[in-house]
Amino acid sequence: MQTGLTDWTELDKIGAFYPFQGLEWLLVAAALCFWIWWHYRCIIDENKEMNEAADYYRRHGIANCLTEDGKPRRPAAKK
């Protein structure tokens, strides 16, 4: 990829000097689409995980799964 520069004496008149200049709007649009997709995907995954946990608590009973302070109940260690 060539820049088209032949003389380095008047750098203050050149302006932007990097590849893909003028395509910043495309990069911002791509970043925005990725950001929206990321949040959508996180919501889907978290909802799935919460539904699985709710089903587990319904099957086994919440009193058998959690202690009074809300921490997970651990089965007693076998000796």
PDB file of N, CA and C in Angstrom:
ATOM      1  N   MET A   1       0.856  -1.161   0.000  1.00  0.00           N
ATOM      2  CA  MET A   1       0.000   0.000   0.000  1.00  0.00           C
ATOM      3  C   MET A   1       0.910   1.234   0.000  1.00  0.00           C
ATOM      4  N   GLN A   2       0.714   2.120  -0.926  1.00  0.00           N
ATOM      5  CA  GLN A   2       1.528   3.321  -1.012  1.00  0.00           C
ATOM      6  C   GLN A   2       0.754   4.523  -0.492  1.00  0.00           C
ATOM      7  N   THR A   3       1.488   5.463   0.095  1.00  0.00           N
ATOM      8  CA  THR A   3       0.864   6.664   0.652  1.00  0.00           C
ATOM      9  C   THR A   3       0.727   7.776  -0.361  1.00  0.00           C
ATOM     10  N   GLY A   4       1.530   7.762  -1.390  1.00  0.00           N
ATOM     11  CA  GLY A   4       1.491   8.831  -2.376  1.00  0.00           C
ATOM     12  C   GLY A   4       2.399   9.990  -2.004  1.00  0.00           C
ATOM     13  N   LEU A   5       3.120   9.902  -0.908  1.00  0.00           N
ATOM     14  CA  LEU A   5       4.029  10.963  -0.490  1.00  0.00           C
ATOM     15  C   LEU A   5       5.358  10.822  -1.218  1.00  0.00           C
ATOM     16  N   THR A   6       5.836  11.942  -1.706  1.00  0.00           N
ATOM     17  CA  THR A   6       7.157  11.947  -2.333  1.00  0.00           C
ATOM     18  C   THR A   6       8.104  12.899  -1.620  1.00  0.00           C
ATOM     19  N   ASP A   7       7.531  13.817  -0.803  1.00  0.00           N
ATOM     20  CA  ASP A   7       8.347  14.823  -0.135  1.00  0.00           C
ATOM     21  C   ASP A   7       7.868  14.963   1.313  1.00  0.00           C
ATOM     22  N   TRP A   8       8.797  14.986   2.247  1.00  0.00           N
ATOM     23  CA  TRP A   8       8.462  15.064   3.665  1.00  0.00           C
ATOM     24  C   TRP A   8       8.665  16.474   4.235  1.00  0.00           C
ATOM     25  N   THR A   9       8.710  17.481   3.427  1.00  0.00           N
ATOM     26  CA  THR A   9       9.036  18.819   3.918  1.00  0.00           C
ATOM     27  C   THR A   9       7.837  19.568   4.467  1.00  0.00           C
ATOM     28  N   GLU A  10       6.610  19.324   3.980  1.00  0.00           N
ATOM     29  CA  GLU A  10       5.435  20.081   4.432  1.00  0.00           C
ATOM     30  C   GLU A  10       4.429  19.134   5.089  1.00  0.00           C
ATOM     31  N   LEU A  11       4.810  18.558   6.201  1.00  0.00           N
ATOM     32  CA  LEU A  11       3.949  17.589   6.877  1.00  0.00           C
ATOM     33  C   LEU A  11       2.724  18.235   7.509  1.00  0.00           C
ATOM     34  N   ASP A  12       2.778  19.525   7.840  1.00  0.00           N
ATOM     35  CA  ASP A  12       1.626  20.180   8.455  1.00  0.00           C
ATOM     36  C   ASP A  12       0.462  20.349   7.475  1.00  0.00           C
ATOM     37  N   LYS A  13       0.686  20.227   6.196  1.00  0.00           N
ATOM     38  CA  LYS A  13      -0.373  20.378   5.192  1.00  0.00           C
ATOM     39  C   LYS A  13      -0.936  19.035   4.718  1.00  0.00           C
ATOM     40  N   ILE A  14      -0.383  17.952   5.199  1.00  0.00           N
ATOM     41  CA  ILE A  14      -0.803  16.626   4.727  1.00  0.00           C
ATOM     42  C   ILE A  14      -2.160  16.237   5.316  1.00  0.00           C
ATOM     43  N   GLY A  15      -2.384  16.457   6.594  1.00  0.00           N
ATOM     44  CA  GLY A  15      -3.631  16.057   7.233  1.00  0.00           C
ATOM     45  C   GLY A  15      -3.500  14.659   7.810  1.00  0.00           C
ATOM     46  N   ALA A  16      -4.572  13.909   7.767  1.00  0.00           N
ATOM     47  CA  ALA A  16      -4.570  12.553   8.329  1.00  0.00           C
ATOM     48  C   ALA A  16      -3.623  11.666   7.529  1.00  0.00           C
ATOM     49  N   PHE A  17      -2.858  10.866   8.248  1.00  0.00           N
ATOM     50  CA  PHE A  17      -1.840  10.043   7.599  1.00  0.00           C
ATOM     51  C   PHE A  17      -1.865   8.649   8.222  1.00  0.00           C
ATOM     52  N   TYR A  18      -2.894   7.882   7.894  1.00  0.00           N
ATOM     53  CA  TYR A  18      -3.024   6.520   8.379  1.00  0.00           C
ATOM     54  C   TYR A  18      -3.887   5.740   7.383  1.00  0.00           C
ATOM     55  N   PRO A  19      -3.799   4.435   7.420  1.00  0.00           N
ATOM     56  CA  PRO A  19      -4.581   3.647   6.455  1.00  0.00           C
ATOM     57  C   PRO A  19      -6.075   3.692   6.762  1.00  0.00           C
ATOM     58  N   PHE A  20      -6.865   3.540   5.761  1.00  0.00           N
ATOM     59  CA  PHE A  20      -8.329   3.474   5.836  1.00  0.00           C
ATOM     60  C   PHE A  20      -8.952   4.766   6.364  1.00  0.00           C
ATOM     61  N   GLN A  21      -8.340   5.895   6.122  1.00  0.00           N
ATOM     62  CA  GLN A  21      -8.947   7.151   6.573  1.00  0.00           C
ATOM     63  C   GLN A  21     -10.234   7.388   5.813  1.00  0.00           C
ATOM     64  N   GLY A  22     -11.201   7.915   6.507  1.00  0.00           N
ATOM     65  CA  GLY A  22     -12.518   8.119   5.931  1.00  0.00           C
ATOM     66  C   GLY A  22     -13.469   6.976   6.217  1.00  0.00           C
ATOM     67  N   LEU A  23     -12.947   5.869   6.742  1.00  0.00           N
ATOM     68  CA  LEU A  23     -13.804   4.719   7.051  1.00  0.00           C
ATOM     69  C   LEU A  23     -14.074   4.588   8.551  1.00  0.00           C
ATOM     70  N   GLU A  24     -13.841   5.656   9.298  1.00  0.00           N
ATOM     71  CA  GLU A  24     -14.070   5.590  10.739  1.00  0.00           C
ATOM     72  C   GLU A  24     -15.535   5.291  11.043  1.00  0.00           C
ATOM     73  N   TRP A  25     -16.441   5.836  10.228  1.00  0.00           N
ATOM     74  CA  TRP A  25     -17.866   5.608  10.451  1.00  0.00           C
ATOM     75  C   TRP A  25     -18.194   4.126  10.333  1.00  0.00           C
ATOM     76  N   LEU A  26     -17.518   3.430   9.441  1.00  0.00           N
ATOM     77  CA  LEU A  26     -17.756   1.998   9.278  1.00  0.00           C
ATOM     78  C   LEU A  26     -17.261   1.228  10.502  1.00  0.00           C
ATOM     79  N   LEU A  27     -16.110   1.622  11.020  1.00  0.00           N
ATOM     80  CA  LEU A  27     -15.591   0.963  12.224  1.00  0.00           C
ATOM     81  C   LEU A  27     -16.485   1.226  13.431  1.00  0.00           C
ATOM     82  N   VAL A  28     -17.001   2.443  13.553  1.00  0.00           N
ATOM     83  CA  VAL A  28     -17.919   2.763  14.651  1.00  0.00           C
ATOM     84  C   VAL A  28     -19.204   1.954  14.509  1.00  0.00           C
ATOM     85  N   ALA A  29     -19.722   1.849  13.301  1.00  0.00           N
ATOM     86  CA  ALA A  29     -20.937   1.058  13.070  1.00  0.00           C
ATOM     87  C   ALA A  29     -20.701  -0.412  13.399  1.00  0.00           C
ATOM     88  N   ALA A  30     -19.543  -0.938  13.012  1.00  0.00           N
ATOM     89  CA  ALA A  30     -19.223  -2.336  13.327  1.00  0.00           C
ATOM     90  C   ALA A  30     -19.092  -2.533  14.830  1.00  0.00           C
ATOM     91  N   ALA A  31     -18.459  -1.592  15.505  1.00  0.00           N
ATOM     92  CA  ALA A  31     -18.318  -1.692  16.963  1.00  0.00           C
ATOM     93  C   ALA A  31     -19.684  -1.617  17.639  1.00  0.00           C
ATOM     94  N   LEU A  32     -20.560  -0.758  17.160  1.00  0.00           N
ATOM     95  CA  LEU A  32     -21.902  -0.638  17.727  1.00  0.00           C
ATOM     96  C   LEU A  32     -22.697  -1.928  17.523  1.00  0.00           C
ATOM     97  N   CYS A  33     -22.615  -2.501  16.331  1.00  0.00           N
ATOM     98  CA  CYS A  33     -23.303  -3.778  16.078  1.00  0.00           C
ATOM     99  C   CYS A  33     -22.764  -4.883  16.983  1.00  0.00           C
ATOM    100  N   PHE A  34     -21.455  -4.945  17.153  1.00  0.00           N
ATOM    101  CA  PHE A  34     -20.864  -5.950  18.032  1.00  0.00           C
ATOM    102  C   PHE A  34     -21.309  -5.737  19.472  1.00  0.00           C
ATOM    103  N   TRP A  35     -21.349  -4.495  19.913  1.00  0.00           N
ATOM    104  CA  TRP A  35     -21.752  -4.178  21.278  1.00  0.00           C
ATOM    105  C   TRP A  35     -23.196  -4.604  21.535  1.00  0.00           C
ATOM    106  N   ILE A  36     -24.087  -4.312  20.591  1.00  0.00           N
ATOM    107  CA  ILE A  36     -25.492  -4.720  20.741  1.00  0.00           C
ATOM    108  C   ILE A  36     -25.593  -6.234  20.725  1.00  0.00           C
ATOM    109  N   TRP A  37     -24.901  -6.911  19.814  1.00  0.00           N
ATOM    110  CA  TRP A  37     -24.931  -8.377  19.769  1.00  0.00           C
ATOM    111  C   TRP A  37     -24.407  -8.966  21.071  1.00  0.00           C
ATOM    112  N   TRP A  38     -23.324  -8.395  21.596  1.00  0.00           N
ATOM    113  CA  TRP A  38     -22.720  -8.903  22.841  1.00  0.00           C
ATOM    114  C   TRP A  38     -23.738  -8.860  23.985  1.00  0.00           C
ATOM    115  N   HIS A  39     -24.438  -7.749  24.155  1.00  0.00           N
ATOM    116  CA  HIS A  39     -25.427  -7.638  25.223  1.00  0.00           C
ATOM    117  C   HIS A  39     -26.604  -8.575  24.987  1.00  0.00           C
ATOM    118  N   TYR A  40     -27.041  -8.702  23.747  1.00  0.00           N
ATOM    119  CA  TYR A  40     -28.122  -9.627  23.425  1.00  0.00           C
ATOM    120  C   TYR A  40     -27.720 -11.047  23.801  1.00  0.00           C
ATOM    121  N   ARG A  41     -26.511 -11.438  23.415  1.00  0.00           N
ATOM    122  CA  ARG A  41     -26.041 -12.795  23.698  1.00  0.00           C
ATOM    123  C   ARG A  41     -25.895 -13.037  25.202  1.00  0.00           C
ATOM    124  N   CYS A  42     -25.399 -12.055  25.949  1.00  0.00           N
ATOM    125  CA  CYS A  42     -25.270 -12.182  27.402  1.00  0.00           C
ATOM    126  C   CYS A  42     -26.635 -12.353  28.049  1.00  0.00           C
ATOM    127  N   ILE A  43     -27.624 -11.597  27.594  1.00  0.00           N
ATOM    128  CA  ILE A  43     -28.974 -11.710  28.156  1.00  0.00           C
ATOM    129  C   ILE A  43     -29.542 -13.096  27.887  1.00  0.00           C
ATOM    130  N   ILE A  44     -29.366 -13.610  26.667  1.00  0.00           N
ATOM    131  CA  ILE A  44     -29.864 -14.942  26.325  1.00  0.00           C
ATOM    132  C   ILE A  44     -29.199 -16.002  27.207  1.00  0.00           C
ATOM    133  N   ASP A  45     -27.872 -15.950  27.333  1.00  0.00           N
ATOM    134  CA  ASP A  45     -27.147 -16.940  28.128  1.00  0.00           C
ATOM    135  C   ASP A  45     -27.515 -16.864  29.610  1.00  0.00           C
ATOM    136  N   GLU A  46     -27.635 -15.650  30.152  1.00  0.00           N
ATOM    137  CA  GLU A  46     -27.984 -15.510  31.561  1.00  0.00           C
ATOM    138  C   GLU A  46     -29.406 -15.971  31.832  1.00  0.00           C
ATOM    139  N   ASN A  47     -30.324 -15.690  30.912  1.00  0.00           N
ATOM    140  CA  ASN A  47     -31.702 -16.173  31.087  1.00  0.00           C
ATOM    141  C   ASN A  47     -31.748 -17.693  31.089  1.00  0.00           C
ATOM    142  N   LYS A  48     -30.981 -18.317  30.207  1.00  0.00           N
ATOM    143  CA  LYS A  48     -30.934 -19.776  30.155  1.00  0.00           C
ATOM    144  C   LYS A  48     -30.399 -20.334  31.474  1.00  0.00           C
ATOM    145  N   GLU A  49     -29.325 -19.738  31.974  1.00  0.00           N
ATOM    146  CA  GLU A  49     -28.727 -20.201  33.227  1.00  0.00           C
ATOM    147  C   GLU A  49     -29.695 -20.011  34.404  1.00  0.00           C
ATOM    148  N   MET A  50     -30.373 -18.882  34.438  1.00  0.00           N
ATOM    149  CA  MET A  50     -31.324 -18.629  35.529  1.00  0.00           C
ATOM    150  C   MET A  50     -32.525 -19.577  35.449  1.00  0.00           C
ATOM    151  N   ASN A  51     -32.997 -19.881  34.251  1.00  0.00           N
ATOM    152  CA  ASN A  51     -34.107 -20.826  34.101  1.00  0.00           C
ATOM    153  C   ASN A  51     -33.700 -22.224  34.545  1.00  0.00           C
ATOM    154  N   GLU A  52     -32.470 -22.623  34.216  1.00  0.00           N
ATOM    155  CA  GLU A  52     -31.993 -23.937  34.669  1.00  0.00           C
ATOM    156  C   GLU A  52     -31.903 -23.989  36.191  1.00  0.00           C
ATOM    157  N   ALA A  53     -31.418 -22.928  36.815  1.00  0.00           N
ATOM    158  CA  ALA A  53     -31.329 -22.882  38.273  1.00  0.00           C
ATOM    159  C   ALA A  53     -32.722 -22.905  38.892  1.00  0.00           C
ATOM    160  N   ALA A  54     -33.665 -22.164  38.318  1.00  0.00           N
ATOM    161  CA  ALA A  54     -35.028 -22.140  38.850  1.00  0.00           C
ATOM    162  C   ALA A  54     -35.672 -23.517  38.742  1.00  0.00           C
ATOM    163  N   ASP A  55     -35.459 -24.212  37.628  1.00  0.00           N
ATOM    164  CA  ASP A  55     -35.999 -25.565  37.479  1.00  0.00           C
ATOM    165  C   ASP A  55     -35.388 -26.514  38.509  1.00  0.00           C
ATOM    166  N   TYR A  56     -34.099 -26.376  38.741  1.00  0.00           N
ATOM    167  CA  TYR A  56     -33.431 -27.217  39.738  1.00  0.00           C
ATOM    168  C   TYR A  56     -34.023 -26.982  41.127  1.00  0.00           C
ATOM    169  N   TYR A  57     -34.220 -25.709  41.478  1.00  0.00           N
ATOM    170  CA  TYR A  57     -34.786 -25.397  42.796  1.00  0.00           C
ATOM    171  C   TYR A  57     -36.224 -25.892  42.914  1.00  0.00           C
ATOM    172  N   ARG A  58     -36.977 -25.834  41.831  1.00  0.00           N
ATOM    173  CA  ARG A  58     -38.357 -26.335  41.870  1.00  0.00           C
ATOM    174  C   ARG A  58     -38.392 -27.853  42.064  1.00  0.00           C
ATOM    175  N   ARG A  59     -37.471 -28.565  41.421  1.00  0.00           N
ATOM    176  CA  ARG A  59     -37.447 -30.022  41.533  1.00  0.00           C
ATOM    177  C   ARG A  59     -36.999 -30.490  42.910  1.00  0.00           C
ATOM    178  N   HIS A  60     -35.965 -29.837  43.448  1.00  0.00           N
ATOM    179  CA  HIS A  60     -35.362 -30.310  44.688  1.00  0.00           C
ATOM    180  C   HIS A  60     -35.851 -29.556  45.923  1.00  0.00           C
ATOM    181  N   GLY A  61     -36.553 -28.485  45.742  1.00  0.00           N
ATOM    182  CA  GLY A  61     -37.024 -27.683  46.863  1.00  0.00           C
ATOM    183  C   GLY A  61     -35.946 -26.702  47.298  1.00  0.00           C
ATOM    184  N   ILE A  62     -36.336 -25.472  47.441  1.00  0.00           N
ATOM    185  CA  ILE A  62     -35.345 -24.442  47.755  1.00  0.00           C
ATOM    186  C   ILE A  62     -34.772 -24.628  49.154  1.00  0.00           C
ATOM    187  N   ALA A  63     -35.550 -25.203  50.072  1.00  0.00           N
ATOM    188  CA  ALA A  63     -35.054 -25.430  51.437  1.00  0.00           C
ATOM    189  C   ALA A  63     -33.928 -26.466  51.444  1.00  0.00           C
ATOM    190  N   ASN A  64     -33.938 -27.384  50.474  1.00  0.00           N
ATOM    191  CA  ASN A  64     -32.887 -28.394  50.394  1.00  0.00           C
ATOM    192  C   ASN A  64     -31.641 -27.881  49.669  1.00  0.00           C
ATOM    193  N   CYS A  65     -31.761 -26.746  48.987  1.00  0.00           N
ATOM    194  CA  CYS A  65     -30.651 -26.226  48.189  1.00  0.00           C
ATOM    195  C   CYS A  65     -29.936 -25.054  48.837  1.00  0.00           C
ATOM    196  N   LEU A  66     -30.673 -24.244  49.625  1.00  0.00           N
ATOM    197  CA  LEU A  66     -30.093 -23.040  50.207  1.00  0.00           C
ATOM    198  C   LEU A  66     -30.233 -23.051  51.720  1.00  0.00           C
ATOM    199  N   THR A  67     -29.267 -22.445  52.393  1.00  0.00           N
ATOM    200  CA  THR A  67     -29.360 -22.278  53.846  1.00  0.00           C
ATOM    201  C   THR A  67     -30.197 -21.033  54.131  1.00  0.00           C
ATOM    202  N   GLU A  68     -30.400 -20.742  55.415  1.00  0.00           N
ATOM    203  CA  GLU A  68     -31.239 -19.607  55.792  1.00  0.00           C
ATOM    204  C   GLU A  68     -30.648 -18.267  55.344  1.00  0.00           C
ATOM    205  N   ASP A  69     -29.324 -18.185  55.240  1.00  0.00           N
ATOM    206  CA  ASP A  69     -28.701 -16.928  54.833  1.00  0.00           C
ATOM    207  C   ASP A  69     -28.514 -16.835  53.313  1.00  0.00           C
ATOM    208  N   GLY A  70     -29.048 -17.781  52.544  1.00  0.00           N
ATOM    209  CA  GLY A  70     -29.017 -17.711  51.095  1.00  0.00           C
ATOM    210  C   GLY A  70     -27.811 -18.356  50.440  1.00  0.00           C
ATOM    211  N   LYS A  71     -26.927 -18.949  51.228  1.00  0.00           N
ATOM    212  CA  LYS A  71     -25.749 -19.602  50.656  1.00  0.00           C
ATOM    213  C   LYS A  71     -26.102 -21.016  50.222  1.00  0.00           C
ATOM    214  N   PRO A  72     -25.383 -21.571  49.248  1.00  0.00           N
ATOM    215  CA  PRO A  72     -25.692 -22.935  48.804  1.00  0.00           C
ATOM    216  C   PRO A  72     -25.437 -23.946  49.922  1.00  0.00           C
ATOM    217  N   ARG A  73     -26.353 -24.872  50.050  1.00  0.00           N
ATOM    218  CA  ARG A  73     -26.197 -25.933  51.047  1.00  0.00           C
ATOM    219  C   ARG A  73     -25.283 -26.992  50.465  1.00  0.00           C
ATOM    220  N   ARG A  74     -24.259 -27.326  51.199  1.00  0.00           N
ATOM    221  CA  ARG A  74     -23.294 -28.343  50.755  1.00  0.00           C
ATOM    222  C   ARG A  74     -23.644 -29.672  51.432  1.00  0.00           C
ATOM    223  N   PRO A  75     -23.563 -30.747  50.680  1.00  0.00           N
ATOM    224  CA  PRO A  75     -23.817 -32.045  51.314  1.00  0.00           C
ATOM    225  C   PRO A  75     -22.694 -32.341  52.313  1.00  0.00           C
ATOM    226  N   ALA A  76     -23.038 -33.063  53.348  1.00  0.00           N
ATOM    227  CA  ALA A  76     -22.050 -33.413  54.370  1.00  0.00           C
ATOM    228  C   ALA A  76     -20.976 -34.314  53.749  1.00  0.00           C
ATOM    229  N   ALA A  77     -19.760 -34.088  54.146  1.00  0.00           N
ATOM    230  CA  ALA A  77     -18.649 -34.886  53.632  1.00  0.00           C
ATOM    231  C   ALA A  77     -18.718 -36.290  54.193  1.00  0.00           C
ATOM    232  N   LYS A  78     -18.501 -37.265  53.351  1.00  0.00           N
ATOM    233  CA  LYS A  78     -18.546 -38.667  53.772  1.00  0.00           C
ATOM    234  C   LYS A  78     -17.185 -39.055  54.326  1.00  0.00           C
ATOM    235  N   LYS A  79     -17.217 -39.779  55.430  1.00  0.00           N
ATOM    236  CA  LYS A  79     -15.956 -40.213  56.067  1.00  0.00           C
ATOM    237  C   LYS A  79     -15.648 -41.646  55.760  1.00  0.00           C
TER     238      LYS A  79
END
